Amino acid sequence: MKVLWAPWRMDYILSPKGGKCFICEAVKDPQDEDAFVLYVSEWGLVFLNRFPYNPGHILIAPKSHVASIGDMTPEERGETMELLHLSLRVVREVMNPDGFNVGMNLGKISGAGLEDHVHLHLVPRWGGDTNFMPLLADVKVVPEHLKETYRKLRKAFKEAAGG
């Protein structure tokens, strides 16, 4: 028998569901490495998804705690697209994916794990990044440790932002 090791998943499995908004917590302390914040702008922030579908799975969110796009200010909506543009550029440069999935899960029925704070997903994709594991074992293999992905992307975001 082969063992699949994904130790960061246990944090999710054992974590209490509900409670504090992890995005608002990241806004309060973006220097906390456990929040995996990659970049902070005037109206929003970019951070790694702690439970990624693929290495480099990024979340982009407004700083304000709003549940829908319609509740965002024009500045927040515009900056979200600018942060998406920056994130695409940085992830493409650092990780060289073949493509991306970009989207939002709006509402619980759509799969939103956090309904109250709107956020955008950016998932890099590579040819061959899916295999039989999700089909047969309901398991997704993420081939790089989250902290390694964070280290590489955080450095690249700093360089892209001129700092």
N, C-alpha and C. Protein backbone atom coordinates (compact mmCIF):
# COMPACT_ATOMS: atom_id res chain seq x y z
N MET A 1 0.85 -1.19 0.00
CA MET A 1 0.00 0.00 0.00
C MET A 1 0.89 1.24 0.00
N LYS A 2 0.52 2.22 -0.81
CA LYS A 2 1.25 3.48 -0.85
C LYS A 2 0.52 4.50 0.02
N VAL A 3 1.29 5.37 0.64
CA VAL A 3 0.74 6.39 1.53
C VAL A 3 0.81 7.74 0.84
N LEU A 4 -0.28 8.46 0.84
CA LEU A 4 -0.33 9.81 0.31
C LEU A 4 -0.23 10.77 1.49
N TRP A 5 0.74 11.66 1.46
CA TRP A 5 1.00 12.55 2.58
C TRP A 5 0.59 13.97 2.23
N ALA A 6 -0.40 14.51 2.93
CA ALA A 6 -0.84 15.90 2.74
C ALA A 6 -1.16 16.46 4.12
N PRO A 7 -0.13 16.77 4.93
CA PRO A 7 -0.36 17.10 6.33
C PRO A 7 -1.19 18.34 6.59
N TRP A 8 -1.22 19.29 5.66
CA TRP A 8 -2.00 20.51 5.90
C TRP A 8 -3.50 20.24 5.87
N ARG A 9 -3.93 19.13 5.30
CA ARG A 9 -5.36 18.81 5.25
C ARG A 9 -5.92 18.56 6.66
N MET A 10 -5.11 18.05 7.58
CA MET A 10 -5.60 17.77 8.93
C MET A 10 -6.06 19.05 9.61
N ASP A 11 -5.38 20.17 9.36
CA ASP A 11 -5.83 21.44 9.93
C ASP A 11 -7.26 21.73 9.52
N TYR A 12 -7.57 21.50 8.26
CA TYR A 12 -8.93 21.74 7.77
C TYR A 12 -9.92 20.76 8.39
N ILE A 13 -9.56 19.50 8.43
CA ILE A 13 -10.46 18.46 8.94
C ILE A 13 -10.81 18.73 10.40
N LEU A 14 -9.82 19.12 11.21
CA LEU A 14 -10.04 19.32 12.64
C LEU A 14 -10.50 20.72 13.01
N SER A 15 -10.40 21.66 12.07
CA SER A 15 -10.76 23.04 12.40
C SER A 15 -12.26 23.19 12.60
N PRO A 16 -12.64 24.05 13.56
CA PRO A 16 -14.06 24.29 13.74
C PRO A 16 -14.62 24.98 12.50
N LYS A 17 -15.78 24.56 12.09
CA LYS A 17 -16.41 25.17 10.92
C LYS A 17 -17.23 26.38 11.41
N GLY A 18 -17.24 27.41 10.59
CA GLY A 18 -17.90 28.64 11.01
C GLY A 18 -16.92 29.47 11.83
N GLY A 19 -17.42 30.35 12.65
CA GLY A 19 -16.55 31.15 13.49
C GLY A 19 -15.99 32.35 12.75
N LYS A 20 -14.74 32.68 13.05
CA LYS A 20 -14.11 33.86 12.49
C LYS A 20 -13.89 33.73 10.99
N CYS A 21 -13.94 34.85 10.32
CA CYS A 21 -13.68 34.92 8.88
C CYS A 21 -12.17 34.89 8.66
N PHE A 22 -11.67 33.87 7.97
CA PHE A 22 -10.23 33.76 7.76
C PHE A 22 -9.69 34.89 6.90
N ILE A 23 -10.51 35.48 6.05
CA ILE A 23 -10.04 36.61 5.24
C ILE A 23 -9.88 37.84 6.12
N CYS A 24 -10.86 38.11 6.97
CA CYS A 24 -10.76 39.26 7.88
C CYS A 24 -9.59 39.10 8.85
N GLU A 25 -9.33 37.88 9.28
CA GLU A 25 -8.17 37.63 10.15
C GLU A 25 -6.88 37.94 9.40
N ALA A 26 -6.80 37.58 8.12
CA ALA A 26 -5.62 37.88 7.32
C ALA A 26 -5.46 39.39 7.12
N VAL A 27 -6.57 40.10 6.95
CA VAL A 27 -6.52 41.56 6.81
C VAL A 27 -5.94 42.19 8.07
N LYS A 28 -6.32 41.67 9.25
CA LYS A 28 -5.84 42.22 10.52
C LYS A 28 -4.33 42.05 10.69
N ASP A 29 -3.80 40.92 10.23
CA ASP A 29 -2.38 40.64 10.43
C ASP A 29 -1.78 39.99 9.18
N PRO A 30 -1.58 40.78 8.12
CA PRO A 30 -1.08 40.21 6.87
C PRO A 30 0.36 39.70 6.95
N GLN A 31 1.08 40.05 8.02
CA GLN A 31 2.45 39.56 8.18
C GLN A 31 2.51 38.18 8.82
N ASP A 32 1.39 37.69 9.34
CA ASP A 32 1.33 36.35 9.93
C ASP A 32 1.51 35.32 8.82
N GLU A 33 2.62 34.60 8.86
CA GLU A 33 2.92 33.65 7.79
C GLU A 33 1.88 32.54 7.69
N ASP A 34 1.16 32.25 8.77
CA ASP A 34 0.12 31.23 8.72
C ASP A 34 -1.10 31.67 7.93
N ALA A 35 -1.21 32.98 7.66
CA ALA A 35 -2.31 33.48 6.83
C ALA A 35 -1.97 33.36 5.34
N PHE A 36 -0.70 33.16 5.01
CA PHE A 36 -0.23 32.99 3.64
C PHE A 36 -0.56 34.17 2.73
N VAL A 37 -0.54 35.39 3.30
CA VAL A 37 -0.81 36.59 2.50
C VAL A 37 0.39 36.85 1.59
N LEU A 38 0.11 37.01 0.31
CA LEU A 38 1.15 37.25 -0.68
C LEU A 38 1.31 38.73 -1.02
N TYR A 39 0.19 39.46 -0.96
CA TYR A 39 0.23 40.86 -1.39
C TYR A 39 -0.98 41.59 -0.80
N VAL A 40 -0.75 42.82 -0.36
CA VAL A 40 -1.83 43.66 0.18
C VAL A 40 -1.84 44.96 -0.60
N SER A 41 -3.02 45.36 -1.04
CA SER A 41 -3.18 46.62 -1.74
C SER A 41 -4.10 47.53 -0.92
N GLU A 42 -4.45 48.65 -1.48
CA GLU A 42 -5.31 49.58 -0.73
C GLU A 42 -6.67 48.98 -0.39
N TRP A 43 -7.27 48.28 -1.34
CA TRP A 43 -8.64 47.79 -1.16
C TRP A 43 -8.75 46.27 -1.01
N GLY A 44 -7.66 45.55 -1.25
CA GLY A 44 -7.78 44.09 -1.23
C GLY A 44 -6.49 43.39 -0.88
N LEU A 45 -6.55 42.07 -0.96
CA LEU A 45 -5.37 41.27 -0.68
C LEU A 45 -5.39 39.98 -1.49
N VAL A 46 -4.21 39.41 -1.64
CA VAL A 46 -4.00 38.16 -2.37
C VAL A 46 -3.34 37.20 -1.39
N PHE A 47 -3.84 35.98 -1.33
CA PHE A 47 -3.22 35.00 -0.44
C PHE A 47 -3.43 33.60 -0.98
N LEU A 48 -2.59 32.69 -0.52
CA LEU A 48 -2.72 31.29 -0.92
C LEU A 48 -3.92 30.66 -0.25
N ASN A 49 -4.60 29.82 -0.98
CA ASN A 49 -5.64 28.99 -0.39
C ASN A 49 -4.93 27.95 0.47
N ARG A 50 -5.29 27.87 1.73
CA ARG A 50 -4.64 26.92 2.64
C ARG A 50 -5.00 25.48 2.32
N PHE A 51 -6.03 25.27 1.54
CA PHE A 51 -6.47 23.92 1.17
C PHE A 51 -6.62 23.87 -0.35
N PRO A 52 -5.47 23.91 -1.06
CA PRO A 52 -5.48 24.14 -2.51
C PRO A 52 -5.94 22.94 -3.33
N TYR A 53 -6.47 23.26 -4.51
CA TYR A 53 -6.75 22.24 -5.52
C TYR A 53 -5.47 21.90 -6.27
N ASN A 54 -4.59 22.88 -6.43
CA ASN A 54 -3.31 22.73 -7.11
C ASN A 54 -2.31 23.66 -6.44
N PRO A 55 -1.01 23.42 -6.59
CA PRO A 55 -0.04 24.39 -6.08
C PRO A 55 -0.30 25.76 -6.73
N GLY A 56 -0.18 26.81 -5.94
CA GLY A 56 -0.39 28.15 -6.46
C GLY A 56 -1.84 28.58 -6.50
N HIS A 57 -2.75 27.82 -5.87
CA HIS A 57 -4.17 28.18 -5.81
C HIS A 57 -4.29 29.42 -4.93
N ILE A 58 -4.66 30.53 -5.56
CA ILE A 58 -4.69 31.84 -4.91
C ILE A 58 -6.13 32.31 -4.71
N LEU A 59 -6.32 33.06 -3.62
CA LEU A 59 -7.59 33.74 -3.36
C LEU A 59 -7.33 35.24 -3.40
N ILE A 60 -8.27 35.96 -3.98
CA ILE A 60 -8.19 37.42 -4.08
C ILE A 60 -9.49 37.96 -3.47
N ALA A 61 -9.37 38.87 -2.52
CA ALA A 61 -10.57 39.34 -1.81
C ALA A 61 -10.46 40.82 -1.47
N PRO A 62 -11.62 41.48 -1.35
CA PRO A 62 -11.60 42.84 -0.83
C PRO A 62 -11.29 42.78 0.67
N LYS A 63 -10.74 43.85 1.21
CA LYS A 63 -10.50 43.91 2.65
C LYS A 63 -11.81 43.97 3.43
N SER A 64 -12.81 44.61 2.86
CA SER A 64 -14.08 44.75 3.57
C SER A 64 -14.85 43.43 3.55
N HIS A 65 -15.54 43.17 4.64
CA HIS A 65 -16.30 41.93 4.81
C HIS A 65 -17.67 42.10 4.13
N VAL A 66 -17.71 41.73 2.85
CA VAL A 66 -18.96 41.81 2.08
C VAL A 66 -19.21 40.46 1.43
N ALA A 67 -20.49 40.12 1.28
CA ALA A 67 -20.86 38.79 0.81
C ALA A 67 -21.07 38.68 -0.69
N SER A 68 -21.17 39.82 -1.38
CA SER A 68 -21.46 39.72 -2.80
C SER A 68 -20.73 40.81 -3.58
N ILE A 69 -20.62 40.59 -4.87
CA ILE A 69 -19.99 41.57 -5.75
C ILE A 69 -20.75 42.89 -5.68
N GLY A 70 -22.07 42.81 -5.59
CA GLY A 70 -22.89 44.02 -5.53
C GLY A 70 -22.65 44.85 -4.29
N ASP A 71 -22.13 44.24 -3.23
CA ASP A 71 -21.83 44.97 -2.00
C ASP A 71 -20.44 45.61 -2.01
N MET A 72 -19.64 45.27 -3.01
CA MET A 72 -18.30 45.85 -3.12
C MET A 72 -18.40 47.27 -3.69
N THR A 73 -17.48 48.11 -3.29
CA THR A 73 -17.42 49.46 -3.87
C THR A 73 -16.84 49.35 -5.29
N PRO A 74 -17.03 50.38 -6.09
CA PRO A 74 -16.40 50.36 -7.42
C PRO A 74 -14.88 50.21 -7.33
N GLU A 75 -14.27 50.82 -6.31
CA GLU A 75 -12.82 50.69 -6.12
C GLU A 75 -12.43 49.24 -5.84
N GLU A 76 -13.20 48.58 -4.99
CA GLU A 76 -12.91 47.18 -4.66
C GLU A 76 -13.08 46.28 -5.88
N ARG A 77 -14.14 46.51 -6.64
CA ARG A 77 -14.35 45.70 -7.85
C ARG A 77 -13.22 45.90 -8.85
N GLY A 78 -12.83 47.16 -9.05
CA GLY A 78 -11.75 47.44 -9.99
C GLY A 78 -10.42 46.87 -9.52
N GLU A 79 -10.14 47.03 -8.25
CA GLU A 79 -8.87 46.53 -7.73
C GLU A 79 -8.83 45.01 -7.73
N THR A 80 -9.95 44.36 -7.55
CA THR A 80 -9.98 42.89 -7.63
C THR A 80 -9.48 42.43 -9.00
N MET A 81 -9.91 43.11 -10.05
CA MET A 81 -9.45 42.75 -11.39
C MET A 81 -7.96 43.07 -11.57
N GLU A 82 -7.50 44.17 -10.98
CA GLU A 82 -6.07 44.50 -11.05
C GLU A 82 -5.25 43.46 -10.29
N LEU A 83 -5.75 43.01 -9.14
CA LEU A 83 -5.06 41.97 -8.37
C LEU A 83 -5.06 40.64 -9.11
N LEU A 84 -6.14 40.36 -9.83
CA LEU A 84 -6.18 39.16 -10.66
C LEU A 84 -5.12 39.26 -11.75
N HIS A 85 -5.03 40.41 -12.40
CA HIS A 85 -4.04 40.63 -13.45
C HIS A 85 -2.62 40.42 -12.90
N LEU A 86 -2.32 41.02 -11.75
CA LEU A 86 -1.02 40.87 -11.11
C LEU A 86 -0.75 39.41 -10.76
N SER A 87 -1.74 38.75 -10.20
CA SER A 87 -1.59 37.35 -9.78
C SER A 87 -1.34 36.43 -10.96
N LEU A 88 -2.05 36.65 -12.05
CA LEU A 88 -1.82 35.85 -13.26
C LEU A 88 -0.38 36.02 -13.74
N ARG A 89 0.09 37.25 -13.74
CA ARG A 89 1.45 37.53 -14.20
C ARG A 89 2.49 36.85 -13.31
N VAL A 90 2.33 36.98 -11.99
CA VAL A 90 3.29 36.42 -11.04
C VAL A 90 3.27 34.89 -11.08
N VAL A 91 2.10 34.30 -11.04
CA VAL A 91 2.03 32.83 -11.04
C VAL A 91 2.55 32.27 -12.36
N ARG A 92 2.24 32.94 -13.45
CA ARG A 92 2.75 32.49 -14.76
C ARG A 92 4.28 32.51 -14.77
N GLU A 93 4.86 33.58 -14.22
CA GLU A 93 6.32 33.72 -14.20
C GLU A 93 6.98 32.68 -13.29
N VAL A 94 6.42 32.47 -12.11
CA VAL A 94 7.05 31.60 -11.11
C VAL A 94 6.78 30.12 -11.37
N MET A 95 5.56 29.79 -11.78
CA MET A 95 5.15 28.39 -11.82
C MET A 95 4.95 27.83 -13.23
N ASN A 96 4.92 28.70 -14.23
CA ASN A 96 4.80 28.31 -15.63
C ASN A 96 3.65 27.33 -15.91
N PRO A 97 2.42 27.66 -15.47
CA PRO A 97 1.30 26.77 -15.77
C PRO A 97 0.90 26.85 -17.24
N ASP A 98 0.17 25.84 -17.67
CA ASP A 98 -0.34 25.80 -19.05
C ASP A 98 -1.65 26.57 -19.19
N GLY A 99 -2.32 26.85 -18.09
CA GLY A 99 -3.58 27.57 -18.11
C GLY A 99 -4.03 27.87 -16.70
N PHE A 100 -5.22 28.45 -16.58
CA PHE A 100 -5.77 28.83 -15.27
C PHE A 100 -7.27 28.58 -15.24
N ASN A 101 -7.78 28.27 -14.06
CA ASN A 101 -9.21 28.37 -13.78
C ASN A 101 -9.36 29.61 -12.91
N VAL A 102 -10.32 30.47 -13.24
CA VAL A 102 -10.61 31.67 -12.45
C VAL A 102 -12.10 31.68 -12.19
N GLY A 103 -12.49 31.89 -10.93
CA GLY A 103 -13.92 31.94 -10.66
C GLY A 103 -14.26 32.26 -9.22
N MET A 104 -15.57 32.38 -8.99
CA MET A 104 -16.12 32.66 -7.66
C MET A 104 -17.21 31.65 -7.36
N ASN A 105 -17.28 31.23 -6.12
CA ASN A 105 -18.38 30.40 -5.64
C ASN A 105 -19.27 31.31 -4.81
N LEU A 106 -20.39 31.72 -5.37
CA LEU A 106 -21.28 32.66 -4.70
C LEU A 106 -22.46 31.90 -4.11
N GLY A 107 -22.47 31.77 -2.80
CA GLY A 107 -23.51 31.03 -2.10
C GLY A 107 -23.09 29.61 -1.77
N LYS A 108 -23.65 29.09 -0.69
CA LYS A 108 -23.29 27.76 -0.21
C LYS A 108 -23.53 26.68 -1.25
N ILE A 109 -24.64 26.75 -1.97
CA ILE A 109 -24.99 25.72 -2.94
C ILE A 109 -23.97 25.64 -4.08
N SER A 110 -23.24 26.73 -4.31
CA SER A 110 -22.24 26.74 -5.39
C SER A 110 -20.91 26.14 -4.93
N GLY A 111 -20.81 25.84 -3.64
CA GLY A 111 -19.57 25.27 -3.11
C GLY A 111 -18.76 26.24 -2.29
N ALA A 112 -19.32 27.42 -1.99
CA ALA A 112 -18.58 28.40 -1.20
C ALA A 112 -18.35 27.87 0.21
N GLY A 113 -17.07 27.76 0.59
CA GLY A 113 -16.73 27.36 1.95
C GLY A 113 -16.88 28.54 2.90
N LEU A 114 -16.79 29.73 2.36
CA LEU A 114 -16.97 30.97 3.11
C LEU A 114 -17.95 31.83 2.32
N GLU A 115 -19.17 31.90 2.79
CA GLU A 115 -20.22 32.62 2.06
C GLU A 115 -20.21 34.12 2.31
N ASP A 116 -19.72 34.53 3.48
CA ASP A 116 -19.90 35.91 3.93
C ASP A 116 -18.87 36.90 3.41
N HIS A 117 -17.76 36.41 2.85
CA HIS A 117 -16.70 37.31 2.38
C HIS A 117 -16.36 36.91 0.95
N VAL A 118 -16.83 37.69 0.00
CA VAL A 118 -16.64 37.38 -1.41
C VAL A 118 -15.15 37.27 -1.73
N HIS A 119 -14.80 36.30 -2.54
CA HIS A 119 -13.41 36.13 -2.96
C HIS A 119 -13.35 35.39 -4.29
N LEU A 120 -12.27 35.62 -4.98
CA LEU A 120 -12.03 35.06 -6.30
C LEU A 120 -10.96 33.98 -6.19
N HIS A 121 -11.15 32.88 -6.90
CA HIS A 121 -10.17 31.79 -6.95
C HIS A 121 -9.38 31.88 -8.25
N LEU A 122 -8.07 31.71 -8.14
CA LEU A 122 -7.19 31.58 -9.29
C LEU A 122 -6.43 30.26 -9.10
N VAL A 123 -6.70 29.30 -9.99
CA VAL A 123 -6.08 27.98 -9.87
C VAL A 123 -5.22 27.71 -11.11
N PRO A 124 -3.89 27.64 -10.94
CA PRO A 124 -3.05 27.29 -12.08
C PRO A 124 -3.28 25.84 -12.48
N ARG A 125 -3.17 25.58 -13.79
CA ARG A 125 -3.39 24.22 -14.32
C ARG A 125 -2.24 23.84 -15.24
N TRP A 126 -1.88 22.59 -15.20
CA TRP A 126 -0.85 22.04 -16.06
C TRP A 126 -1.41 20.83 -16.79
N GLY A 127 -0.93 20.61 -18.01
CA GLY A 127 -1.31 19.40 -18.72
C GLY A 127 -0.89 18.20 -17.88
N GLY A 128 -1.83 17.28 -17.65
CA GLY A 128 -1.52 16.09 -16.85
C GLY A 128 -1.62 16.31 -15.35
N ASP A 129 -2.18 17.45 -14.89
CA ASP A 129 -2.27 17.67 -13.44
C ASP A 129 -3.43 16.92 -12.80
N THR A 130 -4.21 16.24 -13.61
CA THR A 130 -5.24 15.37 -13.06
C THR A 130 -4.89 13.94 -13.45
N ASN A 131 -5.28 13.02 -12.60
CA ASN A 131 -5.03 11.62 -12.87
C ASN A 131 -6.18 10.80 -12.31
N PHE A 132 -5.98 9.54 -12.12
CA PHE A 132 -7.05 8.65 -11.66
C PHE A 132 -7.41 8.85 -10.20
N MET A 133 -6.54 9.47 -9.40
CA MET A 133 -6.78 9.57 -7.95
C MET A 133 -8.12 10.23 -7.60
N PRO A 134 -8.47 11.39 -8.17
CA PRO A 134 -9.76 11.98 -7.81
C PRO A 134 -10.95 11.10 -8.21
N LEU A 135 -10.80 10.37 -9.31
CA LEU A 135 -11.90 9.54 -9.79
C LEU A 135 -12.09 8.28 -8.96
N LEU A 136 -11.00 7.62 -8.62
CA LEU A 136 -11.10 6.33 -7.94
C LEU A 136 -11.02 6.43 -6.43
N ALA A 137 -10.27 7.39 -5.93
CA ALA A 137 -10.04 7.45 -4.50
C ALA A 137 -10.54 8.73 -3.84
N ASP A 138 -11.17 9.61 -4.61
CA ASP A 138 -11.63 10.90 -4.08
C ASP A 138 -10.49 11.63 -3.38
N VAL A 139 -9.30 11.60 -4.00
CA VAL A 139 -8.10 12.21 -3.44
C VAL A 139 -7.44 13.05 -4.53
N LYS A 140 -7.02 14.24 -4.16
CA LYS A 140 -6.28 15.10 -5.08
C LYS A 140 -4.84 15.17 -4.58
N VAL A 141 -3.89 14.92 -5.44
CA VAL A 141 -2.49 14.97 -5.07
C VAL A 141 -1.96 16.37 -5.38
N VAL A 142 -1.45 17.05 -4.36
CA VAL A 142 -0.82 18.36 -4.53
C VAL A 142 0.67 18.14 -4.35
N PRO A 143 1.47 18.30 -5.41
CA PRO A 143 2.85 17.85 -5.39
C PRO A 143 3.86 18.78 -4.72
N GLU A 144 3.44 19.92 -4.21
CA GLU A 144 4.39 20.83 -3.57
C GLU A 144 3.82 21.29 -2.24
N HIS A 145 4.68 21.35 -1.22
CA HIS A 145 4.25 21.79 0.10
C HIS A 145 3.81 23.25 0.04
N LEU A 146 2.75 23.57 0.76
CA LEU A 146 2.17 24.91 0.76
C LEU A 146 3.18 25.98 1.14
N LYS A 147 4.03 25.72 2.12
CA LYS A 147 5.01 26.72 2.55
C LYS A 147 6.06 27.00 1.47
N GLU A 148 6.39 26.01 0.68
CA GLU A 148 7.34 26.21 -0.41
C GLU A 148 6.70 27.09 -1.50
N THR A 149 5.45 26.80 -1.82
CA THR A 149 4.73 27.63 -2.80
C THR A 149 4.64 29.07 -2.29
N TYR A 150 4.30 29.23 -1.01
CA TYR A 150 4.19 30.56 -0.40
C TYR A 150 5.51 31.32 -0.51
N ARG A 151 6.61 30.66 -0.16
CA ARG A 151 7.93 31.31 -0.18
C ARG A 151 8.25 31.84 -1.58
N LYS A 152 8.04 31.02 -2.59
CA LYS A 152 8.36 31.43 -3.96
C LYS A 152 7.45 32.57 -4.44
N LEU A 153 6.15 32.43 -4.19
CA LEU A 153 5.22 33.44 -4.69
C LEU A 153 5.32 34.75 -3.92
N ARG A 154 5.53 34.68 -2.62
CA ARG A 154 5.65 35.93 -1.83
C ARG A 154 6.83 36.76 -2.35
N LYS A 155 7.95 36.12 -2.60
CA LYS A 155 9.11 36.81 -3.14
C LYS A 155 8.78 37.44 -4.49
N ALA A 156 8.12 36.71 -5.35
CA ALA A 156 7.78 37.22 -6.68
C ALA A 156 6.78 38.37 -6.61
N PHE A 157 5.81 38.32 -5.70
CA PHE A 157 4.88 39.44 -5.54
C PHE A 157 5.62 40.69 -5.07
N LYS A 158 6.54 40.52 -4.14
CA LYS A 158 7.33 41.68 -3.67
C LYS A 158 8.10 42.30 -4.83
N GLU A 159 8.73 41.47 -5.62
CA GLU A 159 9.50 41.98 -6.77
C GLU A 159 8.58 42.65 -7.80
N ALA A 160 7.42 42.07 -8.05
CA ALA A 160 6.48 42.62 -9.02
C ALA A 160 5.94 43.97 -8.56
N ALA A 161 5.84 44.14 -7.24
CA ALA A 161 5.31 45.38 -6.68
C ALA A 161 6.41 46.41 -6.45
N GLY A 162 7.64 46.06 -6.79
CA GLY A 162 8.75 47.00 -6.65
C GLY A 162 9.29 47.10 -5.25
N GLY A 163 9.05 46.07 -4.43
CA GLY A 163 9.55 46.16 -3.06
C GLY A 163 10.26 44.95 -2.70
